[in-house]
Protein backbone atom coordinates (compact mmCIF):
# COMPACT_ATOMS: atom_id res chain seq x y z
CA MET A 1 44.02 31.82 25.62
CA SER A 2 43.75 28.15 24.49
CA ASN A 3 46.27 26.42 22.08
CA ASN A 4 43.97 24.25 20.97
CA LYS A 5 42.48 24.28 17.51
CA ALA A 6 38.88 24.72 17.26
CA GLN A 7 36.74 21.18 16.10
CA SER A 8 35.49 21.67 12.26
CA SER A 9 32.40 21.04 11.95
CA ASN A 10 32.64 18.04 9.97
CA GLU A 11 34.23 16.05 13.05
CA ILE A 12 32.65 14.72 16.05
CA GLN A 13 35.09 13.52 19.32
CA ASN A 14 33.23 9.90 20.50
CA SER A 15 33.92 9.05 24.49
CA ASN A 16 37.22 7.75 23.97
CA ASP A 17 38.46 11.18 22.45
CA LYS A 18 39.29 9.83 19.29
CA ILE A 19 38.20 12.29 16.43
CA TYR A 20 36.12 11.19 13.50
CA ASP A 21 36.34 13.41 9.91
CA LEU A 22 32.57 12.59 8.55
CA GLU A 23 33.75 14.41 5.56
CA GLU A 24 36.84 11.64 5.37
CA ARG A 25 35.25 9.34 6.08
CA THR A 26 32.26 9.75 4.18
CA ALA A 27 33.94 10.35 0.87
CA LYS A 28 36.26 7.27 1.78
CA PHE A 29 33.20 5.01 1.60
CA GLY A 30 31.93 6.23 -1.31
CA GLU A 31 35.27 5.46 -2.96
CA GLU A 32 35.33 1.52 -1.06
CA VAL A 33 32.25 1.76 -2.63
CA ILE A 34 33.60 1.97 -6.22
CA GLU A 35 36.16 -0.07 -6.32
CA PHE A 36 34.59 -2.99 -4.72
CA VAL A 37 31.95 -2.63 -8.13
CA LYS A 38 35.07 -2.60 -10.22
CA THR A 39 35.58 -6.38 -9.23
CA LEU A 40 31.89 -7.16 -9.65
CA GLU A 41 30.94 -9.09 -13.59
CA ARG A 42 29.14 -6.75 -15.57
CA ASN A 43 25.78 -8.95 -16.13
CA GLU A 44 21.81 -8.30 -16.43
CA ILE A 45 21.22 -9.04 -12.82
CA ASN A 46 24.23 -6.91 -11.68
CA SER A 47 24.51 -3.97 -13.94
CA PRO A 48 21.21 -2.10 -12.38
CA LEU A 49 22.19 -3.10 -8.54
CA ILE A 50 25.96 -1.54 -8.98
CA ARG A 51 24.28 1.50 -10.91
CA GLN A 52 21.97 1.58 -7.59
CA VAL A 53 24.72 1.15 -5.16
CA VAL A 54 27.33 3.41 -6.65
CA ARG A 55 24.76 6.22 -6.42
CA SER A 56 23.29 6.16 -3.53
CA GLY A 57 27.02 5.19 -1.69
CA THR A 58 28.76 8.14 -3.23
CA SER A 59 25.56 10.73 -2.16
CA VAL A 60 26.10 10.20 1.19
CA GLY A 61 29.49 12.22 1.06
CA ALA A 62 28.14 14.29 -1.08
CA ASN A 63 24.84 15.27 1.15
CA TYR A 64 26.91 15.54 3.88
CA MET A 65 29.46 18.21 2.26
CA GLU A 66 26.12 20.11 1.25
CA ALA A 67 25.08 19.82 4.95
CA ASP A 68 28.01 20.51 6.60
CA GLY A 69 27.87 24.21 4.26
CA ALA A 70 24.11 24.15 5.18
CA GLU A 71 22.62 28.14 5.69
CA SER A 72 19.84 27.20 8.30
CA LYS A 73 19.43 24.93 10.85
CA LYS A 74 16.79 23.24 8.65
CA ASP A 75 18.71 23.20 5.82
CA PHE A 76 21.24 21.15 8.10
CA ARG A 77 18.92 19.07 9.45
CA TYR A 78 17.51 18.18 6.42
CA LYS A 79 20.38 17.56 4.03
CA ILE A 80 21.63 15.41 7.50
CA GLY A 81 18.62 13.58 6.75
CA LEU A 82 19.18 12.64 3.22
CA CYS A 83 22.82 11.10 4.29
CA LYS A 84 21.11 9.29 6.42
CA ARG A 85 18.21 7.85 3.65
CA GLU A 86 21.14 7.65 1.36
CA ALA A 87 23.70 5.10 3.41
CA LYS A 88 20.13 3.21 4.57
CA GLU A 89 19.50 2.69 0.74
CA THR A 90 23.06 1.73 -0.12
CA LYS A 91 22.79 -0.89 3.00
CA HIS A 92 19.56 -2.16 1.03
CA TRP A 93 21.89 -2.44 -2.70
CA LEU A 94 25.00 -4.47 -0.50
CA ARG A 95 22.09 -6.87 0.52
CA MET A 96 20.97 -7.34 -3.00
CA ILE A 97 24.31 -7.37 -4.43
CA ALA A 98 25.67 -10.00 -1.87
CA LYS A 99 22.25 -12.18 -2.74
CA ALA A 100 23.15 -12.11 -6.47
CA ASN A 101 27.25 -12.66 -5.70
CA SER A 102 27.09 -15.23 -2.78
CA HIS A 103 31.44 -14.59 -3.69
CA LYS A 104 31.15 -11.50 -2.33
CA ASN A 105 29.63 -11.83 0.84
CA MET A 106 32.47 -10.71 3.01
CA ASP A 107 33.27 -7.26 1.27
CA CYS A 108 29.44 -6.52 0.75
CA ARG A 109 29.79 -7.04 5.27
CA ARG A 110 32.09 -5.20 5.06
CA LEU A 111 30.57 -2.39 3.10
CA TRP A 112 26.98 -3.20 5.06
CA GLN A 113 28.68 -2.83 8.48
CA GLU A 114 29.89 1.18 7.28
CA ALA A 115 26.74 2.39 5.67
CA GLN A 116 25.08 1.28 9.17
CA GLU A 117 27.85 2.96 11.37
CA LEU A 118 27.21 5.89 9.26
CA THR A 119 23.35 5.51 9.51
CA LEU A 120 23.95 5.55 13.18
CA ILE A 121 25.84 8.55 13.26
CA PHE A 122 23.67 10.41 10.83
CA SER A 123 20.57 9.30 13.33
CA SER A 124 22.60 10.61 16.65
CA ILE A 125 23.24 14.24 14.83
CA LEU A 126 19.43 14.58 14.08
CA LEU A 127 18.30 13.30 17.57
CA SER A 128 20.87 15.54 18.93
CA LYS A 129 19.74 18.55 16.91
CA LYS A 130 16.03 17.57 17.79
CA LYS A 131 17.13 17.88 21.52
CA LYS A 132 18.67 21.21 21.37
CA VAL A 133 15.31 22.21 19.49
CA PHE A 134 12.77 20.87 21.96
CA GLY A 135 15.49 21.36 25.29
CA ILE A 136 14.97 17.37 25.79
């Protein structure tokens, strides 16, 4: 019997044998969004943008937690789809914040890039599950 621990359902392994814990990564992303918005000035333009980016940015991790505990393949796919949509929505709000706060472009770009990577990861998960279902 192997001494290796089984890979948990919230970890993926890339071609460089590096394991990424999506539970931790999505939680960290939400935390980084929260820390970022604390640096923004509260005004008529920023306030609604801040509410939206916090909602979408933190829900990526919450939806991933639900997907990880899904009771069926259909439920898992649905919740991973929600993760993807929330990550994409977060990219939109970050773009709007960057437009309203040009001095925060680099911070927005860094968070946008992580949201993009998460979007691609969730897209890949959905595609791999689809391939298994259809035997592609």
